[in-house]
Amino acid sequence: MVSSDVIPVAEPDPAIPPFPTTSIEFINTIVHYHRGEIARMSGWRDRLDRTSNWAITVVAAMLSVSLSTPNAHHGVLLFAMALILLLLWIEARRYRFFDVYRARVRQLERNYFAETFAPVPQLRADWAAALAEDLRTPRFLISHRTALARRLRRNYIWMFLILLMAWVLKISSHALQEEGTRPEIVRSLHEIVGNAMLGPVPGWAVVAAVALFYGGLGLATVHADKHSGELAHGEVHV
């Protein structure tokens, strides 16, 4: 006979995955999770590089088209500026995703792996809880404006400056415009403004629009970054 005092052991619910119960299992979980976040971070980093490569290709192609023949209109360079701005907008969005996964990887490296190699007394006690909360409710860590400023300051401002110099050269040199008997170098500001005409849009309006556009780029480039998040730790950043 089976004793009535025996308490049946509840079988584990197959719908609930088992959690680590020993230190070895926990370490294995940390290692595999770190590798997974590294892979996601690397994927978004690759997307950033692709967008930058597209932008460099666009700049090179448009410069070749615009400066290779006098018959090419200076509007080609203005169109290139618009394309680079679009790619910058796309890359800023991708950078926000990259920043999320980079922060997770760096939290593990700074608070767990570094502590394993060389413990320090000022370790943040709630780093695991902060990481768990981010996993439960993922949020962007920086705004789109901040991402734009960072990518502009690191890569895109140089492309915009190259396009600006090429555009100024294009409208200030008759040799790079329509063929004719005029002198190769424009001798007055009035001629430069006249050469900047874009269809029915007068030259002064085009020059003013370009000046405002680059003024905005300049303000965005010097946008104050408070060095929050991972920028506050070390110097190796994207």
C-alpha atoms as a PDB file:
ATOM      1  CA  MET A   1       0.000   0.000   0.000  1.00  0.00           C
ATOM      2  CA  VAL A   2       1.113   3.535  -0.760  1.00  0.00           C
ATOM      3  CA  SER A   3       1.361   5.756   2.263  1.00  0.00           C
ATOM      4  CA  SER A   4      -1.018   8.682   2.257  1.00  0.00           C
ATOM      5  CA  ASP A   5       1.737  10.925   3.718  1.00  0.00           C
ATOM      6  CA  VAL A   6       3.805  10.899   0.508  1.00  0.00           C
ATOM      7  CA  ILE A   7       3.684  14.312  -1.210  1.00  0.00           C
ATOM      8  CA  PRO A   8       3.852  14.041  -5.017  1.00  0.00           C
ATOM      9  CA  VAL A   9       6.600  16.034  -6.652  1.00  0.00           C
ATOM     10  CA  ALA A  10       5.265  18.603  -9.122  1.00  0.00           C
ATOM     11  CA  GLU A  11       6.592  18.101 -12.597  1.00  0.00           C
ATOM     12  CA  PRO A  12       8.240  21.140 -14.236  1.00  0.00           C
ATOM     13  CA  ASP A  13       6.051  23.098 -16.580  1.00  0.00           C
ATOM     14  CA  PRO A  14       7.343  22.457 -20.119  1.00  0.00           C
ATOM     15  CA  ALA A  15       6.153  25.926 -21.146  1.00  0.00           C
ATOM     16  CA  ILE A  16       8.632  27.565 -18.761  1.00  0.00           C
ATOM     17  CA  PRO A  17      12.304  27.178 -19.739  1.00  0.00           C
ATOM     18  CA  PRO A  18      14.642  26.163 -16.939  1.00  0.00           C
ATOM     19  CA  PHE A  19      16.729  28.888 -15.330  1.00  0.00           C
ATOM     20  CA  PRO A  20      20.367  28.496 -14.288  1.00  0.00           C
ATOM     21  CA  THR A  21      20.644  27.150 -10.764  1.00  0.00           C
ATOM     22  CA  THR A  22      24.415  26.829 -10.384  1.00  0.00           C
ATOM     23  CA  SER A  23      27.302  29.213 -10.878  1.00  0.00           C
ATOM     24  CA  ILE A  24      28.536  27.236 -13.899  1.00  0.00           C
ATOM     25  CA  GLU A  25      25.147  27.441 -15.578  1.00  0.00           C
ATOM     26  CA  PHE A  26      24.964  31.156 -14.853  1.00  0.00           C
ATOM     27  CA  ILE A  27      28.423  31.753 -16.316  1.00  0.00           C
ATOM     28  CA  ASN A  28      27.472  29.825 -19.452  1.00  0.00           C
ATOM     29  CA  THR A  29      24.337  31.944 -19.763  1.00  0.00           C
ATOM     30  CA  ILE A  30      26.349  35.157 -19.454  1.00  0.00           C
ATOM     31  CA  VAL A  31      28.868  34.000 -22.056  1.00  0.00           C
ATOM     32  CA  HIS A  32      26.239  33.000 -24.618  1.00  0.00           C
ATOM     33  CA  TYR A  33      24.236  36.167 -24.042  1.00  0.00           C
ATOM     34  CA  HIS A  34      27.372  38.283 -24.504  1.00  0.00           C
ATOM     35  CA  ARG A  35      28.115  36.527 -27.794  1.00  0.00           C
ATOM     36  CA  GLY A  36      24.552  37.123 -28.969  1.00  0.00           C
ATOM     37  CA  GLU A  37      24.693  40.843 -28.205  1.00  0.00           C
ATOM     38  CA  ILE A  38      28.090  41.084 -29.890  1.00  0.00           C
ATOM     39  CA  ALA A  39      26.543  39.587 -33.035  1.00  0.00           C
ATOM     40  CA  ARG A  40      23.641  42.056 -33.022  1.00  0.00           C
ATOM     41  CA  MET A  41      25.979  44.982 -32.385  1.00  0.00           C
ATOM     42  CA  SER A  42      28.257  43.856 -35.215  1.00  0.00           C
ATOM     43  CA  GLY A  43      25.279  43.576 -37.557  1.00  0.00           C
ATOM     44  CA  TRP A  44      24.212  47.165 -36.951  1.00  0.00           C
ATOM     45  CA  ARG A  45      27.838  48.305 -37.149  1.00  0.00           C
ATOM     46  CA  ASP A  46      28.030  46.720 -40.587  1.00  0.00           C
ATOM     47  CA  ARG A  47      24.896  48.613 -41.616  1.00  0.00           C
ATOM     48  CA  LEU A  48      26.530  51.877 -40.538  1.00  0.00           C
ATOM     49  CA  ASP A  49      29.564  51.119 -42.675  1.00  0.00           C
ATOM     50  CA  ARG A  50      27.372  50.309 -45.664  1.00  0.00           C
ATOM     51  CA  THR A  51      25.558  53.636 -45.456  1.00  0.00           C
ATOM     52  CA  SER A  52      28.846  55.520 -45.180  1.00  0.00           C
ATOM     53  CA  ASN A  53      30.198  53.613 -48.175  1.00  0.00           C
ATOM     54  CA  TRP A  54      27.095  54.516 -50.191  1.00  0.00           C
ATOM     55  CA  ALA A  55      27.611  58.173 -49.299  1.00  0.00           C
ATOM     56  CA  ILE A  56      31.272  58.121 -50.343  1.00  0.00           C
ATOM     57  CA  THR A  57      30.316  56.444 -53.620  1.00  0.00           C
ATOM     58  CA  VAL A  58      27.651  59.079 -54.302  1.00  0.00           C
ATOM     59  CA  VAL A  59      30.117  61.910 -53.639  1.00  0.00           C
ATOM     60  CA  ALA A  60      32.756  60.392 -55.918  1.00  0.00           C
ATOM     61  CA  ALA A  61      30.252  59.723 -58.707  1.00  0.00           C
ATOM     62  CA  MET A  62      28.679  63.184 -58.584  1.00  0.00           C
ATOM     63  CA  LEU A  63      32.069  64.906 -58.509  1.00  0.00           C
ATOM     64  CA  SER A  64      33.139  62.910 -61.527  1.00  0.00           C
ATOM     65  CA  VAL A  65      29.970  63.795 -63.436  1.00  0.00           C
ATOM     66  CA  SER A  66      29.989  67.470 -62.493  1.00  0.00           C
ATOM     67  CA  LEU A  67      33.670  68.330 -62.913  1.00  0.00           C
ATOM     68  CA  SER A  68      34.554  66.108 -65.845  1.00  0.00           C
ATOM     69  CA  THR A  69      32.762  68.203 -68.473  1.00  0.00           C
ATOM     70  CA  PRO A  70      31.797  71.877 -68.763  1.00  0.00           C
ATOM     71  CA  ASN A  71      28.323  70.875 -69.949  1.00  0.00           C
ATOM     72  CA  ALA A  72      27.419  69.303 -66.584  1.00  0.00           C
ATOM     73  CA  HIS A  73      25.123  71.584 -64.585  1.00  0.00           C
ATOM     74  CA  HIS A  74      26.084  72.692 -61.084  1.00  0.00           C
ATOM     75  CA  GLY A  75      22.705  71.388 -59.934  1.00  0.00           C
ATOM     76  CA  VAL A  76      24.251  67.916 -59.973  1.00  0.00           C
ATOM     77  CA  LEU A  77      26.264  68.890 -56.898  1.00  0.00           C
ATOM     78  CA  LEU A  78      23.178  70.302 -55.191  1.00  0.00           C
ATOM     79  CA  PHE A  79      21.425  67.015 -55.882  1.00  0.00           C
ATOM     80  CA  ALA A  80      24.411  65.191 -54.361  1.00  0.00           C
ATOM     81  CA  MET A  81      24.036  67.270 -51.190  1.00  0.00           C
ATOM     82  CA  ALA A  82      20.405  66.192 -50.932  1.00  0.00           C
ATOM     83  CA  LEU A  83      21.344  62.528 -51.399  1.00  0.00           C
ATOM     84  CA  ILE A  84      24.050  62.715 -48.734  1.00  0.00           C
ATOM     85  CA  LEU A  85      21.567  64.332 -46.348  1.00  0.00           C
ATOM     86  CA  LEU A  86      19.152  61.448 -46.940  1.00  0.00           C
ATOM     87  CA  LEU A  87      21.887  58.893 -46.266  1.00  0.00           C
ATOM     88  CA  LEU A  88      22.866  60.787 -43.114  1.00  0.00           C
ATOM     89  CA  TRP A  89      19.257  60.596 -41.923  1.00  0.00           C
ATOM     90  CA  ILE A  90      19.190  56.830 -42.546  1.00  0.00           C
ATOM     91  CA  GLU A  91      22.532  56.296 -40.826  1.00  0.00           C
ATOM     92  CA  ALA A  92      21.442  58.278 -37.760  1.00  0.00           C
ATOM     93  CA  ARG A  93      18.462  55.945 -37.380  1.00  0.00           C
ATOM     94  CA  ARG A  94      20.727  52.913 -37.656  1.00  0.00           C
ATOM     95  CA  TYR A  95      23.166  54.432 -35.171  1.00  0.00           C
ATOM     96  CA  ARG A  96      20.426  54.628 -32.521  1.00  0.00           C
ATOM     97  CA  PHE A  97      19.895  50.860 -32.778  1.00  0.00           C
ATOM     98  CA  PHE A  98      23.640  50.227 -32.753  1.00  0.00           C
ATOM     99  CA  ASP A  99      23.994  52.376 -29.638  1.00  0.00           C
ATOM    100  CA  VAL A 100      21.455  50.231 -27.749  1.00  0.00           C
ATOM    101  CA  TYR A 101      23.302  46.958 -28.371  1.00  0.00           C
ATOM    102  CA  ARG A 102      26.718  48.526 -27.856  1.00  0.00           C
ATOM    103  CA  ALA A 103      25.607  49.787 -24.430  1.00  0.00           C
ATOM    104  CA  ARG A 104      24.502  46.289 -23.417  1.00  0.00           C
ATOM    105  CA  VAL A 105      27.807  44.762 -24.508  1.00  0.00           C
ATOM    106  CA  ARG A 106      29.807  47.410 -22.726  1.00  0.00           C
ATOM    107  CA  GLN A 107      27.766  46.999 -19.537  1.00  0.00           C
ATOM    108  CA  LEU A 108      28.645  43.322 -19.443  1.00  0.00           C
ATOM    109  CA  GLU A 109      32.300  43.957 -20.253  1.00  0.00           C
ATOM    110  CA  ARG A 110      32.681  46.799 -17.770  1.00  0.00           C
ATOM    111  CA  ASN A 111      30.681  45.374 -14.862  1.00  0.00           C
ATOM    112  CA  TYR A 112      31.193  41.614 -15.194  1.00  0.00           C
ATOM    113  CA  PHE A 113      34.208  40.629 -17.278  1.00  0.00           C
ATOM    114  CA  ALA A 114      36.425  43.488 -16.136  1.00  0.00           C
ATOM    115  CA  GLU A 115      35.406  42.761 -12.547  1.00  0.00           C
ATOM    116  CA  THR A 116      36.378  39.125 -13.077  1.00  0.00           C
ATOM    117  CA  PHE A 117      39.872  40.080 -14.222  1.00  0.00           C
ATOM    118  CA  ALA A 118      40.505  42.914 -11.739  1.00  0.00           C
ATOM    119  CA  PRO A 119      37.846  43.716  -9.103  1.00  0.00           C
ATOM    120  CA  VAL A 120      37.377  47.344  -8.105  1.00  0.00           C
ATOM    121  CA  PRO A 121      35.507  48.658  -5.047  1.00  0.00           C
ATOM    122  CA  GLN A 122      33.406  51.244  -6.921  1.00  0.00           C
ATOM    123  CA  LEU A 123      31.462  48.720  -8.987  1.00  0.00           C
ATOM    124  CA  ARG A 124      27.883  49.753  -9.746  1.00  0.00           C
ATOM    125  CA  ALA A 125      25.716  47.446  -7.664  1.00  0.00           C
ATOM    126  CA  ASP A 126      22.544  47.598  -9.772  1.00  0.00           C
ATOM    127  CA  TRP A 127      24.063  47.044 -13.215  1.00  0.00           C
ATOM    128  CA  ALA A 128      22.377  43.658 -13.662  1.00  0.00           C
ATOM    129  CA  ALA A 129      18.989  45.085 -12.714  1.00  0.00           C
ATOM    130  CA  ALA A 130      19.458  47.942 -15.194  1.00  0.00           C
ATOM    131  CA  LEU A 131      20.380  45.479 -17.915  1.00  0.00           C
ATOM    132  CA  ALA A 132      17.374  43.293 -17.123  1.00  0.00           C
ATOM    133  CA  GLU A 133      15.045  46.293 -17.284  1.00  0.00           C
ATOM    134  CA  ASP A 134      16.477  47.250 -20.669  1.00  0.00           C
ATOM    135  CA  LEU A 135      15.867  43.721 -21.928  1.00  0.00           C
ATOM    136  CA  ARG A 136      12.270  43.810 -20.725  1.00  0.00           C
ATOM    137  CA  THR A 137      11.540  47.272 -22.078  1.00  0.00           C
ATOM    138  CA  PRO A 138      14.068  48.253 -24.784  1.00  0.00           C
ATOM    139  CA  ARG A 139      14.406  51.988 -25.308  1.00  0.00           C
ATOM    140  CA  PHE A 140      16.630  54.193 -27.426  1.00  0.00           C
ATOM    141  CA  LEU A 141      19.387  55.782 -25.383  1.00  0.00           C
ATOM    142  CA  ILE A 142      19.935  58.853 -27.576  1.00  0.00           C
ATOM    143  CA  SER A 143      17.667  61.079 -29.646  1.00  0.00           C
ATOM    144  CA  HIS A 144      17.670  61.169 -33.427  1.00  0.00           C
ATOM    145  CA  ARG A 145      19.095  64.695 -33.272  1.00  0.00           C
ATOM    146  CA  THR A 146      22.055  63.540 -31.183  1.00  0.00           C
ATOM    147  CA  ALA A 147      22.649  60.612 -33.531  1.00  0.00           C
ATOM    148  CA  LEU A 148      22.618  62.994 -36.507  1.00  0.00           C
ATOM    149  CA  ALA A 149      25.155  65.257 -34.810  1.00  0.00           C
ATOM    150  CA  ARG A 150      27.483  62.372 -33.990  1.00  0.00           C
ATOM    151  CA  ARG A 151      27.479  60.863 -37.470  1.00  0.00           C
ATOM    152  CA  LEU A 152      27.787  64.295 -39.058  1.00  0.00           C
ATOM    153  CA  ARG A 153      30.746  65.212 -36.878  1.00  0.00           C
ATOM    154  CA  ARG A 154      32.556  61.923 -37.437  1.00  0.00           C
ATOM    155  CA  ASN A 155      32.026  61.317 -41.163  1.00  0.00           C
ATOM    156  CA  TYR A 156      29.515  63.329 -43.123  1.00  0.00           C
ATOM    157  CA  ILE A 157      30.677  66.886 -42.524  1.00  0.00           C
ATOM    158  CA  TRP A 158      33.783  66.158 -44.627  1.00  0.00           C
ATOM    159  CA  MET A 159      31.667  64.911 -47.522  1.00  0.00           C
ATOM    160  CA  PHE A 160      29.481  68.005 -47.360  1.00  0.00           C
ATOM    161  CA  LEU A 161      32.547  70.258 -47.324  1.00  0.00           C
ATOM    162  CA  ILE A 162      33.981  68.514 -50.383  1.00  0.00           C
ATOM    163  CA  LEU A 163      30.695  69.010 -52.235  1.00  0.00           C
ATOM    164  CA  LEU A 164      30.579  72.664 -51.169  1.00  0.00           C
ATOM    165  CA  MET A 165      34.097  73.338 -52.451  1.00  0.00           C
ATOM    166  CA  ALA A 166      33.279  71.599 -55.735  1.00  0.00           C
ATOM    167  CA  TRP A 167      30.062  73.627 -56.086  1.00  0.00           C
ATOM    168  CA  VAL A 168      31.845  76.933 -55.419  1.00  0.00           C
ATOM    169  CA  LEU A 169      34.515  75.974 -57.944  1.00  0.00           C
ATOM    170  CA  LYS A 170      31.840  75.057 -60.462  1.00  0.00           C
ATOM    171  CA  ILE A 171      29.959  78.378 -60.281  1.00  0.00           C
ATOM    172  CA  SER A 172      33.109  80.497 -60.072  1.00  0.00           C
ATOM    173  CA  SER A 173      34.915  79.056 -63.094  1.00  0.00           C
ATOM    174  CA  HIS A 174      33.622  79.467 -66.632  1.00  0.00           C
ATOM    175  CA  ALA A 175      35.936  76.663 -67.710  1.00  0.00           C
ATOM    176  CA  LEU A 176      33.762  74.256 -65.731  1.00  0.00           C
ATOM    177  CA  GLN A 177      30.516  75.568 -67.214  1.00  0.00           C
ATOM    178  CA  GLU A 178      29.268  76.028 -70.744  1.00  0.00           C
ATOM    179  CA  GLU A 179      31.970  76.350 -73.366  1.00  0.00           C
ATOM    180  CA  GLY A 180      32.467  79.826 -74.740  1.00  0.00           C
ATOM    181  CA  THR A 181      34.835  82.722 -75.100  1.00  0.00           C
ATOM    182  CA  ARG A 182      34.413  84.082 -71.572  1.00  0.00           C
ATOM    183  CA  PRO A 183      37.452  84.150 -69.246  1.00  0.00           C
ATOM    184  CA  GLU A 184      38.075  81.006 -67.254  1.00  0.00           C
ATOM    185  CA  ILE A 185      37.810  82.704 -63.851  1.00  0.00           C
ATOM    186  CA  VAL A 186      34.786  84.755 -62.813  1.00  0.00           C
ATOM    187  CA  ARG A 187      35.918  88.284 -61.959  1.00  0.00           C
ATOM    188  CA  SER A 188      32.991  89.535 -59.863  1.00  0.00           C
ATOM    189  CA  LEU A 189      30.585  88.366 -57.194  1.00  0.00           C
ATOM    190  CA  HIS A 190      27.685  89.326 -59.440  1.00  0.00           C
ATOM    191  CA  GLU A 191      28.807  86.776 -62.023  1.00  0.00           C
ATOM    192  CA  ILE A 192      29.149  84.055 -59.383  1.00  0.00           C
ATOM    193  CA  VAL A 193      25.609  84.684 -58.138  1.00  0.00           C
ATOM    194  CA  GLY A 194      24.373  84.684 -61.709  1.00  0.00           C
ATOM    195  CA  ASN A 195      26.040  81.354 -62.415  1.00  0.00           C
ATOM    196  CA  ALA A 196      24.271  79.845 -59.378  1.00  0.00           C
ATOM    197  CA  MET A 197      20.880  80.237 -61.073  1.00  0.00           C
ATOM    198  CA  LEU A 198      18.900  77.002 -61.019  1.00  0.00           C
ATOM    199  CA  GLY A 199      16.181  77.016 -63.665  1.00  0.00           C
ATOM    200  CA  PRO A 200      13.597  79.667 -62.708  1.00  0.00           C
ATOM    201  CA  VAL A 201      15.198  80.092 -59.261  1.00  0.00           C
ATOM    202  CA  PRO A 202      17.476  83.157 -59.209  1.00  0.00           C
ATOM    203  CA  GLY A 203      21.091  82.748 -58.246  1.00  0.00           C
ATOM    204  CA  TRP A 204      20.844  84.786 -55.058  1.00  0.00           C
ATOM    205  CA  ALA A 205      18.095  82.482 -53.750  1.00  0.00           C
ATOM    206  CA  VAL A 206      20.198  79.384 -54.472  1.00  0.00           C
ATOM    207  CA  VAL A 207      23.244  80.893 -52.747  1.00  0.00           C
ATOM    208  CA  ALA A 208      21.127  81.887 -49.748  1.00  0.00           C
ATOM    209  CA  ALA A 209      19.623  78.394 -49.497  1.00  0.00           C
ATOM    210  CA  VAL A 210      23.050  76.753 -49.641  1.00  0.00           C
ATOM    211  CA  ALA A 211      24.369  79.186 -47.014  1.00  0.00           C
ATOM    212  CA  LEU A 212      21.456  78.422 -44.673  1.00  0.00           C
ATOM    213  CA  PHE A 213      21.871  74.690 -45.238  1.00  0.00           C
ATOM    214  CA  TYR A 214      25.555  74.736 -44.358  1.00  0.00           C
ATOM    215  CA  GLY A 215      24.895  77.040 -41.433  1.00  0.00           C
ATOM    216  CA  GLY A 216      22.540  74.408 -40.046  1.00  0.00           C
ATOM    217  CA  LEU A 217      25.148  71.711 -40.635  1.00  0.00           C
ATOM    218  CA  GLY A 218      27.692  73.791 -38.754  1.00  0.00           C
ATOM    219  CA  LEU A 219      25.367  74.190 -35.768  1.00  0.00           C
ATOM    220  CA  ALA A 220      24.638  70.471 -35.760  1.00  0.00           C
ATOM    221  CA  THR A 221      28.347  69.655 -35.916  1.00  0.00           C
ATOM    222  CA  VAL A 222      29.174  71.722 -32.839  1.00  0.00           C
ATOM    223  CA  HIS A 223      26.050  70.473 -31.051  1.00  0.00           C
ATOM    224  CA  ALA A 224      27.026  70.021 -27.415  1.00  0.00           C
ATOM    225  CA  ASP A 225      27.321  66.339 -26.531  1.00  0.00           C
ATOM    226  CA  LYS A 226      27.194  65.781 -22.795  1.00  0.00           C
ATOM    227  CA  HIS A 227      29.221  62.576 -23.127  1.00  0.00           C
ATOM    228  CA  SER A 228      26.458  60.523 -21.583  1.00  0.00           C
ATOM    229  CA  GLY A 229      26.109  56.774 -21.930  1.00  0.00           C
ATOM    230  CA  GLU A 230      29.110  54.938 -23.344  1.00  0.00           C
ATOM    231  CA  LEU A 231      30.821  58.165 -24.446  1.00  0.00           C
ATOM    232  CA  ALA A 232      31.552  58.809 -20.772  1.00  0.00           C
ATOM    233  CA  HIS A 233      33.698  55.659 -20.585  1.00  0.00           C
ATOM    234  CA  GLY A 234      36.951  55.587 -22.516  1.00  0.00           C
ATOM    235  CA  GLU A 235      37.877  56.983 -25.916  1.00  0.00           C
ATOM    236  CA  VAL A 236      37.161  54.109 -28.338  1.00  0.00           C
ATOM    237  CA  HIS A 237      33.769  54.938 -29.808  1.00  0.00           C
ATOM    238  CA  VAL A 238      32.010  55.128 -33.173  1.00  0.00           C
END
